[in-house]
Amino acid sequence: MLFTQLPGLLEDLKALVRPYEETAPELVRWVEGLSIDGEGIEARLIAFLKDDRSGEMIGTVISEAVSIFGMIFSMAFALIIAFSAVSQKERLARQAQTLLYACMSEPRAGKIVQYVRRIRSIFVSFISGQVLEAFILGSMVFAGMVIFRFPHALSIGALVMLMAFVPIVGAWVSAIIGAILILATDGLGKALGFVVLIIVIQQIEGNLIYPKVMGKRVGLPSLWVLVAITLGSGVAGVWGMLLFVPIFATAYQLLRDAIHSRRTRQSAPLSDV
């Protein structure tokens, strides 16, 4: 469908730049000189794939695909182990707690257990907040596409919701795939409109909704959520953005508890941190 739409898309582009003939004549002449044969491109692509010289490139592609599937298999195996551990979490927790009390004094072991429970609570809240945030983002994209009459609203909204679990890269991937789908069916104007819509929604979600939702879930002020995301992306990229929010929240909660405990021992009036 995209190949057959290419000539029409080029005509739309020419009509888009013609009003600027006086201000940008060189650009208009360059665009007017372009020509696209969609069926010819498709035929040449098929001929290239049938050519013997393309065998090496196809072999490289297959090798890379095998590597990717190997990585996916490793991730699936890790998930199986994780689910197995979760299904026996009560037993594992009892064993770990018994070992802790056997190796340490009771007050110190009790404090460690308390900290571990606090960390677990924060990470569970972070995961539930991520799920809620993905649902909000997907719903916003779906609603915006329905309001402005973009095609494939449900499919692209679901894709955006799923890719929201991947920081930075997920937003770009969902935007590119959605733009290509709309480009193949409704033309260049609708595709550009969709790109503008998703950029606006991403800015609203990333700067207003995400800090509020995650801050309320993990008990971290929205300012520190933004600081954690910024530092995480600079230190460890995507994984840093994903993990620094619960790490910051844990450190914030433990520091606040330590300050309150010390102020209580000093018999000083407490104030919110």
C-alpha atoms as a PDB file:
ATOM      1  CA  MET A   1       0.000   0.000   0.000  1.00  0.00           C
ATOM      2  CA  LEU A   2       2.866   2.363   0.828  1.00  0.00           C
ATOM      3  CA  PHE A   3       4.516   1.805  -2.576  1.00  0.00           C
ATOM      4  CA  THR A   4       1.285   2.554  -4.430  1.00  0.00           C
ATOM      5  CA  GLN A   5       0.724   5.685  -2.308  1.00  0.00           C
ATOM      6  CA  LEU A   6       4.185   7.174  -3.009  1.00  0.00           C
ATOM      7  CA  PRO A   7       3.312   9.081  -6.239  1.00  0.00           C
ATOM      8  CA  GLY A   8       0.248  10.620  -4.624  1.00  0.00           C
ATOM      9  CA  LEU A   9       2.268  11.584  -1.551  1.00  0.00           C
ATOM     10  CA  LEU A  10       4.806  13.321  -3.777  1.00  0.00           C
ATOM     11  CA  GLU A  11       2.024  15.320  -5.452  1.00  0.00           C
ATOM     12  CA  ASP A  12       0.749  16.334  -2.001  1.00  0.00           C
ATOM     13  CA  LEU A  13       4.273  17.505  -1.123  1.00  0.00           C
ATOM     14  CA  LYS A  14       4.500  19.553  -4.318  1.00  0.00           C
ATOM     15  CA  ALA A  15       1.135  21.197  -3.594  1.00  0.00           C
ATOM     16  CA  LEU A  16       2.352  21.931  -0.047  1.00  0.00           C
ATOM     17  CA  VAL A  17       5.447  23.879  -1.186  1.00  0.00           C
ATOM     18  CA  ARG A  18       3.965  25.715  -4.224  1.00  0.00           C
ATOM     19  CA  PRO A  19       2.639  28.666  -2.130  1.00  0.00           C
ATOM     20  CA  TYR A  20       6.295  29.384  -1.147  1.00  0.00           C
ATOM     21  CA  GLU A  21       7.484  29.824  -4.742  1.00  0.00           C
ATOM     22  CA  GLU A  22       8.333  33.493  -4.194  1.00  0.00           C
ATOM     23  CA  THR A  23      10.086  33.091  -0.836  1.00  0.00           C
ATOM     24  CA  ALA A  24      11.884  29.805  -1.564  1.00  0.00           C
ATOM     25  CA  PRO A  25      12.080  29.315  -5.352  1.00  0.00           C
ATOM     26  CA  GLU A  26      15.028  26.897  -5.222  1.00  0.00           C
ATOM     27  CA  LEU A  27      13.214  24.577  -2.825  1.00  0.00           C
ATOM     28  CA  VAL A  28      10.076  24.639  -4.986  1.00  0.00           C
ATOM     29  CA  ARG A  29      12.044  23.871  -8.163  1.00  0.00           C
ATOM     30  CA  TRP A  30      13.860  21.020  -6.441  1.00  0.00           C
ATOM     31  CA  VAL A  31      10.606  19.474  -5.185  1.00  0.00           C
ATOM     32  CA  GLU A  32       8.911  19.938  -8.568  1.00  0.00           C
ATOM     33  CA  GLY A  33      11.794  18.062 -10.184  1.00  0.00           C
ATOM     34  CA  LEU A  34      11.279  14.993  -8.034  1.00  0.00           C
ATOM     35  CA  SER A  35       9.568  11.927  -9.460  1.00  0.00           C
ATOM     36  CA  ILE A  36       8.673   8.586  -7.884  1.00  0.00           C
ATOM     37  CA  ASP A  37       7.621   5.378  -9.590  1.00  0.00           C
ATOM     38  CA  GLY A  38       6.120   3.310  -6.792  1.00  0.00           C
ATOM     39  CA  GLU A  39       5.579   0.180  -8.896  1.00  0.00           C
ATOM     40  CA  GLY A  40       9.112   0.497 -10.302  1.00  0.00           C
ATOM     41  CA  ILE A  41      10.601   0.672  -6.802  1.00  0.00           C
ATOM     42  CA  GLU A  42       8.661  -2.422  -5.817  1.00  0.00           C
ATOM     43  CA  ALA A  43       9.838  -4.294  -8.937  1.00  0.00           C
ATOM     44  CA  ARG A  44      13.486  -3.308  -8.368  1.00  0.00           C
ATOM     45  CA  LEU A  45      13.278  -4.417  -4.725  1.00  0.00           C
ATOM     46  CA  ILE A  46      11.946  -7.826  -5.755  1.00  0.00           C
ATOM     47  CA  ALA A  47      14.665  -8.142  -8.416  1.00  0.00           C
ATOM     48  CA  PHE A  48      17.320  -7.252  -5.846  1.00  0.00           C
ATOM     49  CA  LEU A  49      16.078  -9.932  -3.474  1.00  0.00           C
ATOM     50  CA  LYS A  50      16.257 -12.486  -6.295  1.00  0.00           C
ATOM     51  CA  ASP A  51      19.816 -11.466  -7.215  1.00  0.00           C
ATOM     52  CA  ASP A  52      22.616 -13.796  -6.084  1.00  0.00           C
ATOM     53  CA  ARG A  53      24.705 -10.849  -4.896  1.00  0.00           C
ATOM     54  CA  SER A  54      22.144 -10.067  -2.231  1.00  0.00           C
ATOM     55  CA  GLY A  55      22.834 -13.423  -0.568  1.00  0.00           C
ATOM     56  CA  GLU A  56      25.613 -12.072   1.652  1.00  0.00           C
ATOM     57  CA  MET A  57      23.478  -9.218   2.913  1.00  0.00           C
ATOM     58  CA  ILE A  58      20.530 -11.523   3.547  1.00  0.00           C
ATOM     59  CA  GLY A  59      22.888 -13.879   5.415  1.00  0.00           C
ATOM     60  CA  THR A  60      24.015 -10.982   7.605  1.00  0.00           C
ATOM     61  CA  VAL A  61      20.397 -10.032   8.270  1.00  0.00           C
ATOM     62  CA  ILE A  62      19.576 -13.621   9.219  1.00  0.00           C
ATOM     63  CA  SER A  63      22.591 -13.749  11.544  1.00  0.00           C
ATOM     64  CA  GLU A  64      21.501 -10.567  13.276  1.00  0.00           C
ATOM     65  CA  ALA A  65      17.947 -11.914  13.526  1.00  0.00           C
ATOM     66  CA  VAL A  66      19.279 -15.075  15.187  1.00  0.00           C
ATOM     67  CA  SER A  67      21.188 -12.925  17.697  1.00  0.00           C
ATOM     68  CA  ILE A  68      18.061 -10.926  18.459  1.00  0.00           C
ATOM     69  CA  PHE A  69      15.985 -14.071  18.929  1.00  0.00           C
ATOM     70  CA  GLY A  70      18.710 -15.440  21.191  1.00  0.00           C
ATOM     71  CA  MET A  71      18.462 -12.320  23.337  1.00  0.00           C
ATOM     72  CA  ILE A  72      14.654 -12.659  23.403  1.00  0.00           C
ATOM     73  CA  PHE A  73      15.028 -16.312  24.467  1.00  0.00           C
ATOM     74  CA  SER A  74      17.380 -15.295  27.283  1.00  0.00           C
ATOM     75  CA  MET A  75      14.905 -12.653  28.444  1.00  0.00           C
ATOM     76  CA  ALA A  76      12.065 -15.194  28.321  1.00  0.00           C
ATOM     77  CA  PHE A  77      14.148 -17.655  30.367  1.00  0.00           C
ATOM     78  CA  ALA A  78      14.885 -14.935  32.908  1.00  0.00           C
ATOM     79  CA  LEU A  79      11.163 -14.156  33.128  1.00  0.00           C
ATOM     80  CA  ILE A  80      10.403 -17.841  33.757  1.00  0.00           C
ATOM     81  CA  ILE A  81      12.896 -17.867  36.624  1.00  0.00           C
ATOM     82  CA  ALA A  82      11.423 -14.623  37.966  1.00  0.00           C
ATOM     83  CA  PHE A  83       7.864 -15.992  37.874  1.00  0.00           C
ATOM     84  CA  SER A  84       9.051 -19.178  39.575  1.00  0.00           C
ATOM     85  CA  ALA A  85      10.667 -17.112  42.339  1.00  0.00           C
ATOM     86  CA  VAL A  86       7.530 -14.979  42.714  1.00  0.00           C
ATOM     87  CA  SER A  87       5.340 -18.072  43.024  1.00  0.00           C
ATOM     88  CA  GLN A  88       7.497 -19.209  45.984  1.00  0.00           C
ATOM     89  CA  LYS A  89       8.173 -15.774  47.455  1.00  0.00           C
ATOM     90  CA  GLU A  90       6.655 -16.571  50.871  1.00  0.00           C
ATOM     91  CA  ARG A  91       8.884 -19.605  51.323  1.00  0.00           C
ATOM     92  CA  LEU A  92      11.986 -17.755  50.108  1.00  0.00           C
ATOM     93  CA  ALA A  93      11.185 -14.802  52.385  1.00  0.00           C
ATOM     94  CA  ARG A  94      10.853 -17.079  55.412  1.00  0.00           C
ATOM     95  CA  GLN A  95      14.154 -18.777  54.632  1.00  0.00           C
ATOM     96  CA  ALA A  96      15.960 -15.483  54.167  1.00  0.00           C
ATOM     97  CA  GLN A  97      14.483 -14.057  57.365  1.00  0.00           C
ATOM     98  CA  THR A  98      15.453 -17.172  59.344  1.00  0.00           C
ATOM     99  CA  LEU A  99      19.012 -16.974  58.013  1.00  0.00           C
ATOM    100  CA  LEU A 100      19.185 -13.264  58.830  1.00  0.00           C
ATOM    101  CA  TYR A 101      18.063 -13.739  62.450  1.00  0.00           C
ATOM    102  CA  ALA A 102      20.484 -16.662  62.815  1.00  0.00           C
ATOM    103  CA  CYS A 103      23.494 -14.619  61.648  1.00  0.00           C
ATOM    104  CA  MET A 104      22.724 -11.251  63.323  1.00  0.00           C
ATOM    105  CA  SER A 105      21.409  -9.839  66.532  1.00  0.00           C
ATOM    106  CA  GLU A 106      17.635  -9.536  66.728  1.00  0.00           C
ATOM    107  CA  PRO A 107      17.456  -5.682  66.727  1.00  0.00           C
ATOM    108  CA  ARG A 108      19.756  -5.360  63.706  1.00  0.00           C
ATOM    109  CA  ALA A 109      17.998  -8.163  61.809  1.00  0.00           C
ATOM    110  CA  GLY A 110      14.609  -6.600  62.560  1.00  0.00           C
ATOM    111  CA  LYS A 111      15.795  -3.241  61.217  1.00  0.00           C
ATOM    112  CA  ILE A 112      17.084  -4.861  58.005  1.00  0.00           C
ATOM    113  CA  VAL A 113      13.761  -6.679  57.535  1.00  0.00           C
ATOM    114  CA  GLN A 114      11.937  -3.380  58.011  1.00  0.00           C
ATOM    115  CA  TYR A 115      14.121  -1.680  55.374  1.00  0.00           C
ATOM    116  CA  VAL A 116      13.638  -4.547  52.917  1.00  0.00           C
ATOM    117  CA  ARG A 117       9.855  -4.343  53.343  1.00  0.00           C
ATOM    118  CA  ARG A 118       9.985  -0.599  52.718  1.00  0.00           C
ATOM    119  CA  ILE A 119      12.066  -1.091  49.555  1.00  0.00           C
ATOM    120  CA  ARG A 120       9.693  -3.798  48.330  1.00  0.00           C
ATOM    121  CA  SER A 121       6.700  -1.524  48.890  1.00  0.00           C
ATOM    122  CA  ILE A 122       8.330   1.293  46.925  1.00  0.00           C
ATOM    123  CA  PHE A 123       9.244  -0.940  43.975  1.00  0.00           C
ATOM    124  CA  VAL A 124       5.742  -2.448  43.856  1.00  0.00           C
ATOM    125  CA  SER A 125       4.266   1.057  43.873  1.00  0.00           C
ATOM    126  CA  PHE A 126       6.674   2.068  41.098  1.00  0.00           C
ATOM    127  CA  ILE A 127       5.617  -0.847  38.869  1.00  0.00           C
ATOM    128  CA  SER A 128       1.915  -0.163  39.433  1.00  0.00           C
ATOM    129  CA  GLY A 129       2.574   3.508  38.675  1.00  0.00           C
ATOM    130  CA  GLN A 130       4.287   2.563  35.394  1.00  0.00           C
ATOM    131  CA  VAL A 131       1.269   0.486  34.398  1.00  0.00           C
ATOM    132  CA  LEU A 132      -1.107   3.334  35.251  1.00  0.00           C
ATOM    133  CA  GLU A 133       1.075   5.824  33.368  1.00  0.00           C
ATOM    134  CA  ALA A 134       1.141   3.617  30.260  1.00  0.00           C
ATOM    135  CA  PHE A 135      -2.657   3.290  30.371  1.00  0.00           C
ATOM    136  CA  ILE A 136      -3.066   7.075  30.706  1.00  0.00           C
ATOM    137  CA  LEU A 137      -0.708   7.759  27.778  1.00  0.00           C
ATOM    138  CA  GLY A 138      -2.387   5.199  25.514  1.00  0.00           C
ATOM    139  CA  SER A 139      -5.829   6.560  26.398  1.00  0.00           C
ATOM    140  CA  MET A 140      -4.725  10.136  25.643  1.00  0.00           C
ATOM    141  CA  VAL A 141      -3.350   9.129  22.228  1.00  0.00           C
ATOM    142  CA  PHE A 142      -6.507   7.139  21.433  1.00  0.00           C
ATOM    143  CA  ALA A 143      -8.784  10.008  22.476  1.00  0.00           C
ATOM    144  CA  GLY A 144      -6.750  12.562  20.503  1.00  0.00           C
ATOM    145  CA  MET A 145      -6.807  10.397  17.373  1.00  0.00           C
ATOM    146  CA  VAL A 146     -10.560   9.898  17.652  1.00  0.00           C
ATOM    147  CA  ILE A 147     -11.153  13.650  18.114  1.00  0.00           C
ATOM    148  CA  PHE A 148      -9.033  14.599  15.083  1.00  0.00           C
ATOM    149  CA  ARG A 149     -10.309  11.631  13.016  1.00  0.00           C
ATOM    150  CA  PHE A 150      -7.014   9.824  12.517  1.00  0.00           C
ATOM    151  CA  PRO A 151      -7.208   6.204  11.304  1.00  0.00           C
ATOM    152  CA  HIS A 152      -6.083   3.146  13.297  1.00  0.00           C
ATOM    153  CA  ALA A 153      -6.808   4.936  16.589  1.00  0.00           C
ATOM    154  CA  LEU A 154      -7.292   1.774  18.663  1.00  0.00           C
ATOM    155  CA  SER A 155      -4.271  -0.080  17.238  1.00  0.00           C
ATOM    156  CA  ILE A 156      -1.882   2.871  17.595  1.00  0.00           C
ATOM    157  CA  GLY A 157      -3.205   3.717  21.069  1.00  0.00           C
ATOM    158  CA  ALA A 158      -2.552   0.131  22.193  1.00  0.00           C
ATOM    159  CA  LEU A 159       0.938   0.256  20.627  1.00  0.00           C
ATOM    160  CA  VAL A 160       1.740   3.513  22.454  1.00  0.00           C
ATOM    161  CA  MET A 161       0.540   1.989  25.731  1.00  0.00           C
ATOM    162  CA  LEU A 162       2.795  -1.060  25.309  1.00  0.00           C
ATOM    163  CA  MET A 163       5.849   0.939  24.199  1.00  0.00           C
ATOM    164  CA  ALA A 164       5.425   3.339  27.137  1.00  0.00           C
ATOM    165  CA  PHE A 165       7.240   0.752  29.291  1.00  0.00           C
ATOM    166  CA  VAL A 166      10.408   1.454  27.253  1.00  0.00           C
ATOM    167  CA  PRO A 167      11.727   4.943  28.167  1.00  0.00           C
ATOM    168  CA  ILE A 168      12.662   7.356  25.322  1.00  0.00           C
ATOM    169  CA  VAL A 169      13.005   4.680  22.608  1.00  0.00           C
ATOM    170  CA  GLY A 170       9.445   3.422  23.065  1.00  0.00           C
ATOM    171  CA  ALA A 171       7.937   6.826  22.335  1.00  0.00           C
ATOM    172  CA  TRP A 172       9.942   7.201  19.108  1.00  0.00           C
ATOM    173  CA  VAL A 173       9.149   3.671  17.908  1.00  0.00           C
ATOM    174  CA  SER A 174       5.402   4.034  18.479  1.00  0.00           C
ATOM    175  CA  ALA A 175       5.375   7.475  16.807  1.00  0.00           C
ATOM    176  CA  ILE A 176       7.269   6.223  13.725  1.00  0.00           C
ATOM    177  CA  ILE A 177       5.125   3.110  13.291  1.00  0.00           C
ATOM    178  CA  GLY A 178       1.917   5.108  13.760  1.00  0.00           C
ATOM    179  CA  ALA A 179       3.047   7.748  11.257  1.00  0.00           C
ATOM    180  CA  ILE A 180       3.889   5.072   8.657  1.00  0.00           C
ATOM    181  CA  LEU A 181       0.481   3.402   9.097  1.00  0.00           C
ATOM    182  CA  ILE A 182      -1.347   6.705   8.676  1.00  0.00           C
ATOM    183  CA  LEU A 183       0.913   7.715   5.769  1.00  0.00           C
ATOM    184  CA  ALA A 184       0.059   4.504   3.893  1.00  0.00           C
ATOM    185  CA  THR A 185      -3.689   4.982   4.273  1.00  0.00           C
ATOM    186  CA  ASP A 186      -4.530   8.693   4.605  1.00  0.00           C
ATOM    187  CA  GLY A 187      -1.571  10.560   3.128  1.00  0.00           C
ATOM    188  CA  LEU A 188       1.153  12.959   4.211  1.00  0.00           C
ATOM    189  CA  GLY A 189      -1.054  15.598   5.845  1.00  0.00           C
ATOM    190  CA  LYS A 190      -2.646  13.172   8.294  1.00  0.00           C
ATOM    191  CA  ALA A 191       0.750  11.625   9.105  1.00  0.00           C
ATOM    192  CA  LEU A 192       2.273  15.021   9.926  1.00  0.00           C
ATOM    193  CA  GLY A 193      -0.775  15.891  12.025  1.00  0.00           C
ATOM    194  CA  PHE A 194      -0.372  12.658  13.972  1.00  0.00           C
ATOM    195  CA  VAL A 195       3.315  13.405  14.615  1.00  0.00           C
ATOM    196  CA  VAL A 196       2.400  16.846  15.993  1.00  0.00           C
ATOM    197  CA  LEU A 197      -0.356  15.310  18.151  1.00  0.00           C
ATOM    198  CA  ILE A 198       1.862  12.638  19.694  1.00  0.00           C
ATOM    199  CA  ILE A 199       4.681  15.144  20.361  1.00  0.00           C
ATOM    200  CA  VAL A 200       2.252  17.411  22.240  1.00  0.00           C
ATOM    201  CA  ILE A 201       0.829  14.483  24.230  1.00  0.00           C
ATOM    202  CA  GLN A 202       4.317  13.206  25.064  1.00  0.00           C
ATOM    203  CA  GLN A 203       5.345  16.630  26.372  1.00  0.00           C
ATOM    204  CA  ILE A 204       2.229  16.926  28.544  1.00  0.00           C
ATOM    205  CA  GLU A 205       2.644  13.389  29.855  1.00  0.00           C
ATOM    206  CA  GLY A 206       6.387  13.596  30.469  1.00  0.00           C
ATOM    207  CA  ASN A 207       6.459  16.999  32.186  1.00  0.00           C
ATOM    208  CA  LEU A 208       3.124  17.150  34.021  1.00  0.00           C
ATOM    209  CA  ILE A 209       1.403  13.778  34.429  1.00  0.00           C
ATOM    210  CA  TYR A 210       4.362  11.401  34.930  1.00  0.00           C
ATOM    211  CA  PRO A 211       6.020  13.282  37.831  1.00  0.00           C
ATOM    212  CA  LYS A 212       2.669  13.670  39.610  1.00  0.00           C
ATOM    213  CA  VAL A 213       1.595  10.036  39.193  1.00  0.00           C
ATOM    214  CA  MET A 214       4.968   8.508  40.045  1.00  0.00           C
ATOM    215  CA  GLY A 215       5.601  10.960  42.874  1.00  0.00           C
ATOM    216  CA  LYS A 216       2.312  10.058  44.533  1.00  0.00           C
ATOM    217  CA  ARG A 217       2.901   6.323  44.031  1.00  0.00           C
ATOM    218  CA  VAL A 218       6.451   6.115  45.391  1.00  0.00           C
ATOM    219  CA  GLY A 219       6.194   8.960  47.912  1.00  0.00           C
ATOM    220  CA  LEU A 220       8.693  11.156  46.078  1.00  0.00           C
ATOM    221  CA  PRO A 221       8.018  14.837  45.256  1.00  0.00           C
ATOM    222  CA  SER A 222       7.595  15.502  41.524  1.00  0.00           C
ATOM    223  CA  LEU A 223      10.744  17.680  41.464  1.00  0.00           C
ATOM    224  CA  TRP A 224      12.870  14.768  42.669  1.00  0.00           C
ATOM    225  CA  VAL A 225      11.206  12.459  40.128  1.00  0.00           C
ATOM    226  CA  LEU A 226      12.440  14.763  37.341  1.00  0.00           C
ATOM    227  CA  VAL A 227      15.909  14.904  38.952  1.00  0.00           C
ATOM    228  CA  ALA A 228      16.009  11.083  39.168  1.00  0.00           C
ATOM    229  CA  ILE A 229      15.019  10.699  35.507  1.00  0.00           C
ATOM    230  CA  THR A 230      17.619  13.247  34.383  1.00  0.00           C
ATOM    231  CA  LEU A 231      20.462  11.721  36.429  1.00  0.00           C
ATOM    232  CA  GLY A 232      19.434   8.181  35.491  1.00  0.00           C
ATOM    233  CA  SER A 233      19.489   8.927  31.765  1.00  0.00           C
ATOM    234  CA  GLY A 234      22.923  10.530  32.094  1.00  0.00           C
ATOM    235  CA  VAL A 235      24.440   7.716  34.171  1.00  0.00           C
ATOM    236  CA  ALA A 236      22.915   4.547  32.718  1.00  0.00           C
ATOM    237  CA  GLY A 237      20.733   5.533  29.770  1.00  0.00           C
ATOM    238  CA  VAL A 238      17.364   3.774  29.462  1.00  0.00           C
ATOM    239  CA  TRP A 239      17.961   1.460  32.428  1.00  0.00           C
ATOM    240  CA  GLY A 240      18.971   4.427  34.556  1.00  0.00           C
ATOM    241  CA  MET A 241      15.725   6.232  33.754  1.00  0.00           C
ATOM    242  CA  LEU A 242      13.797   3.089  34.654  1.00  0.00           C
ATOM    243  CA  LEU A 243      15.545   2.333  37.958  1.00  0.00           C
ATOM    244  CA  PHE A 244      16.622   5.690  39.380  1.00  0.00           C
ATOM    245  CA  VAL A 245      13.076   6.728  40.362  1.00  0.00           C
ATOM    246  CA  PRO A 246      12.523   3.819  42.826  1.00  0.00           C
ATOM    247  CA  ILE A 247      16.153   4.097  44.004  1.00  0.00           C
ATOM    248  CA  PHE A 248      15.700   7.822  44.705  1.00  0.00           C
ATOM    249  CA  ALA A 249      12.368   7.112  46.395  1.00  0.00           C
ATOM    250  CA  THR A 250      13.953   4.477  48.641  1.00  0.00           C
ATOM    251  CA  ALA A 251      16.841   6.772  49.596  1.00  0.00           C
ATOM    252  CA  TYR A 252      14.388   9.635  50.207  1.00  0.00           C
ATOM    253  CA  GLN A 253      12.171   7.535  52.485  1.00  0.00           C
ATOM    254  CA  LEU A 254      15.101   6.096  54.460  1.00  0.00           C
ATOM    255  CA  LEU A 255      16.703   9.521  54.873  1.00  0.00           C
ATOM    256  CA  ARG A 256      13.409  11.015  56.022  1.00  0.00           C
ATOM    257  CA  ASP A 257      12.938   8.202  58.564  1.00  0.00           C
ATOM    258  CA  ALA A 258      16.482   8.692  59.872  1.00  0.00           C
ATOM    259  CA  ILE A 259      15.979  12.468  60.261  1.00  0.00           C
ATOM    260  CA  HIS A 260      12.637  12.022  62.032  1.00  0.00           C
ATOM    261  CA  SER A 261      14.128   9.396  64.336  1.00  0.00           C
ATOM    262  CA  ARG A 262      17.025  11.661  65.294  1.00  0.00           C
ATOM    263  CA  ARG A 263      14.740  14.654  65.826  1.00  0.00           C
ATOM    264  CA  THR A 264      12.509  12.513  68.040  1.00  0.00           C
ATOM    265  CA  ARG A 265      15.473  11.446  70.172  1.00  0.00           C
ATOM    266  CA  GLN A 266      16.449  15.101  70.505  1.00  0.00           C
ATOM    267  CA  SER A 267      12.871  15.943  71.639  1.00  0.00           C
ATOM    268  CA  ALA A 268      12.618  18.581  68.933  1.00  0.00           C
ATOM    269  CA  PRO A 269       9.357  19.412  67.109  1.00  0.00           C
ATOM    270  CA  LEU A 270       8.976  17.457  63.863  1.00  0.00           C
ATOM    271  CA  SER A 271       8.556  19.118  60.505  1.00  0.00           C
ATOM    272  CA  ASP A 272       7.834  17.655  57.110  1.00  0.00           C
ATOM    273  CA  VAL A 273      10.836  16.883  54.918  1.00  0.00           C
END
